[in-house]
Protein backbone atom coordinates (compact mmCIF):
# COMPACT_ATOMS: atom_id res chain seq x y z
CA MET A 1 -18.00 8.09 4.39
CA THR A 2 -14.54 7.91 6.21
CA LYS A 3 -13.17 5.46 8.36
CA LYS A 4 -12.01 7.25 11.85
CA PHE A 5 -8.77 5.43 11.41
CA ILE A 6 -6.60 4.04 8.85
CA ARG A 7 -4.04 1.98 9.03
CA ILE A 8 -1.73 1.78 5.97
CA LEU A 9 1.41 -0.71 5.61
CA LEU A 10 4.32 1.22 3.19
CA VAL A 11 6.91 -1.40 1.33
CA GLU A 12 9.09 0.35 0.24
CA ASP A 13 13.15 0.04 0.42
CA ASN A 14 13.61 4.38 -0.44
CA GLU A 15 14.44 6.21 3.32
CA GLY A 16 13.22 9.21 1.21
CA ASP A 17 10.10 7.76 0.00
CA VAL A 18 9.07 7.00 3.28
CA ARG A 19 9.85 10.11 4.70
CA LEU A 20 8.03 12.33 2.16
CA THR A 21 5.18 9.73 1.87
CA ARG A 22 5.51 9.82 6.01
CA GLU A 23 5.21 13.42 5.60
CA ALA A 24 2.41 13.44 2.83
CA LEU A 25 0.21 12.18 5.18
CA ARG A 26 1.10 13.98 8.57
CA GLU A 27 -1.07 16.73 6.82
CA SER A 28 -3.72 15.13 6.36
CA GLN A 29 -6.87 14.90 8.32
CA ILE A 30 -7.62 11.44 8.24
CA GLN A 31 -6.29 9.61 11.52
CA HIS A 32 -4.11 6.97 10.32
CA GLN A 33 -1.57 4.62 11.24
CA LEU A 34 2.09 3.95 8.96
CA TYR A 35 3.09 0.60 9.54
CA VAL A 36 6.89 0.82 6.73
CA VAL A 37 8.53 -2.63 5.59
CA GLU A 38 11.98 -2.63 3.53
CA ASN A 39 11.16 -5.55 1.69
CA GLY A 40 8.83 -8.11 0.32
CA VAL A 41 9.89 -11.21 2.45
CA GLU A 42 9.14 -7.97 5.91
CA ALA A 43 6.32 -7.09 4.02
CA LEU A 44 4.86 -10.83 4.03
CA GLU A 45 5.80 -11.74 7.43
CA PHE A 46 4.30 -8.33 8.94
CA LEU A 47 1.02 -9.76 7.01
CA ASN A 48 1.06 -13.44 8.36
CA SER A 49 2.05 -12.07 11.57
CA LYS A 50 -1.50 -10.34 11.82
CA ARG A 51 -3.95 -12.29 11.25
CA GLY A 52 -4.11 -13.71 14.81
CA MET A 53 -5.28 -9.43 15.12
CA PHE A 54 -6.80 -8.32 11.75
CA GLN A 55 -8.83 -6.10 14.17
CA GLU A 56 -6.05 -4.59 15.72
CA GLY A 57 -3.78 -4.01 12.76
CA ARG A 58 -4.52 -5.67 9.40
CA PRO A 59 -3.71 -2.75 7.17
CA ASP A 60 -6.72 -1.20 5.40
CA ILE A 61 -4.23 -0.79 2.70
CA ILE A 62 -0.90 -1.26 1.42
CA LEU A 63 0.93 1.00 -0.92
CA LEU A 64 3.78 -1.27 -2.23
CA ASP A 65 7.25 -0.81 -4.65
CA LEU A 66 7.31 -3.28 -7.12
CA ASN A 67 11.31 -2.93 -6.98
CA LEU A 68 12.48 -4.57 -3.66
CA PRO A 69 15.69 -6.43 -2.04
CA GLU A 70 14.59 -10.00 -1.11
CA LYS A 71 10.94 -10.31 -2.72
CA ASP A 72 9.78 -7.65 -5.46
CA GLY A 73 6.98 -6.48 -5.67
CA ARG A 74 5.69 -8.68 -8.44
CA GLU A 75 5.96 -11.56 -6.07
CA VAL A 76 4.06 -9.83 -3.03
CA LEU A 77 1.30 -8.51 -4.16
CA GLN A 78 1.14 -12.36 -5.68
CA GLU A 79 0.93 -13.65 -2.58
CA ILE A 80 -1.24 -11.12 -1.35
CA LYS A 81 -3.71 -11.58 -4.09
CA VAL A 82 -4.27 -15.42 -3.88
CA ASP A 83 -4.34 -15.67 0.58
CA GLN A 84 -8.17 -16.08 0.64
CA ASP A 85 -7.53 -13.66 4.04
CA LEU A 86 -5.71 -10.90 2.57
CA ARG A 87 -7.29 -10.34 -0.94
CA ARG A 88 -9.23 -8.00 -0.06
CA ILE A 89 -6.60 -5.36 0.59
CA PRO A 90 -6.48 -2.63 -2.08
CA VAL A 91 -2.78 -2.85 -2.84
CA ILE A 92 -2.03 0.17 -4.64
CA VAL A 93 1.64 -0.61 -6.76
CA LEU A 94 3.59 3.02 -6.09
CA THR A 95 6.83 2.77 -8.18
CA THR A 96 9.46 4.45 -9.66
CA SER A 97 8.86 1.64 -13.19
CA ASN A 98 7.15 3.21 -16.06
CA ASP A 99 7.06 -0.06 -17.89
CA GLU A 100 4.04 -1.26 -19.77
CA GLN A 101 5.14 -4.96 -18.81
CA ASP A 102 5.44 -4.21 -14.88
CA ILE A 103 1.24 -2.36 -15.73
CA LEU A 104 0.34 -4.87 -16.96
CA THR A 105 1.43 -7.35 -14.51
CA SER A 106 0.69 -5.30 -11.97
CA TYR A 107 -3.02 -5.53 -13.07
CA ASP A 108 -2.42 -9.52 -14.04
CA LEU A 109 -1.73 -9.98 -10.47
CA HIS A 110 -5.29 -7.72 -9.08
CA ALA A 111 -3.33 -4.48 -8.55
CA ASN A 112 -6.07 -2.09 -7.50
CA CYS A 113 -4.37 0.64 -9.35
CA TYR A 114 -0.90 1.06 -10.38
CA ILE A 115 0.95 4.88 -9.50
CA SER A 116 4.40 5.36 -11.10
CA LYS A 117 5.80 7.98 -8.83
CA PRO A 118 6.84 11.86 -9.92
CA ILE A 119 10.07 12.39 -9.62
CA ASP A 120 9.79 16.16 -8.63
CA ILE A 121 8.92 16.38 -4.29
CA ARG A 122 5.80 18.19 -4.48
CA THR A 123 4.08 16.48 -7.36
CA PHE A 124 4.69 13.34 -4.80
CA GLN A 125 3.25 14.72 -1.80
CA SER A 126 0.30 15.71 -4.53
CA VAL A 127 0.25 12.12 -6.04
CA VAL A 128 0.06 10.69 -2.32
CA GLN A 129 -2.18 13.09 -0.61
CA GLN A 130 -4.85 12.24 -3.80
CA ILE A 131 -4.10 8.62 -2.84
CA GLU A 132 -5.49 9.20 0.78
CA GLN A 133 -8.18 11.25 -0.30
CA PHE A 134 -9.46 8.62 -2.60
CA TRP A 135 -8.58 6.15 -1.23
CA PHE A 136 -10.05 7.37 2.69
CA SER A 137 -13.26 9.99 2.03
CA ILE A 138 -14.43 8.50 -1.55
CA VAL A 139 -14.31 4.12 -1.29
CA ARG A 140 -15.71 2.26 1.06
CA LEU A 141 -12.88 -0.09 2.32
CA PRO A 142 -14.63 -4.14 3.27
CA SER A 143 -14.59 -4.22 7.17
CA HIS A 144 -12.32 -6.64 8.44
CA ASN A 145 -15.03 -8.89 10.23
CA VAL A 146 -16.19 -10.10 7.16
CA MET A 147 -14.84 -13.29 5.68
């Protein structure tokens, strides 16, 4: 069952990848709001600022790069997944790393999935569209009203 409106938080410091993600989502048939932050500190500030208005702007899903300035994606993932209010938000690690230790660490920190970014532009856009198809058309996401 598809939700009518999806909020996506993209935590990404590479402007090219942000642009490609926007373009892939723009072609989407699913109505969405894309929030973009450039580092881990901004991601946690964004999530904490939304606590008082979850119905208005809490993301339904987080696309998280691992290699971020200030606070890396591993630290962000760890803070999200130990937080009582945030841990149910699915976090998709979307990163250039193919390192086995990064994969293991991400799953140990309860990432919902780990995807290595393809280098090819068309493949990258296809991956984003497949993420959208799976997470927003097939998967049932929790309601924000349930604690």
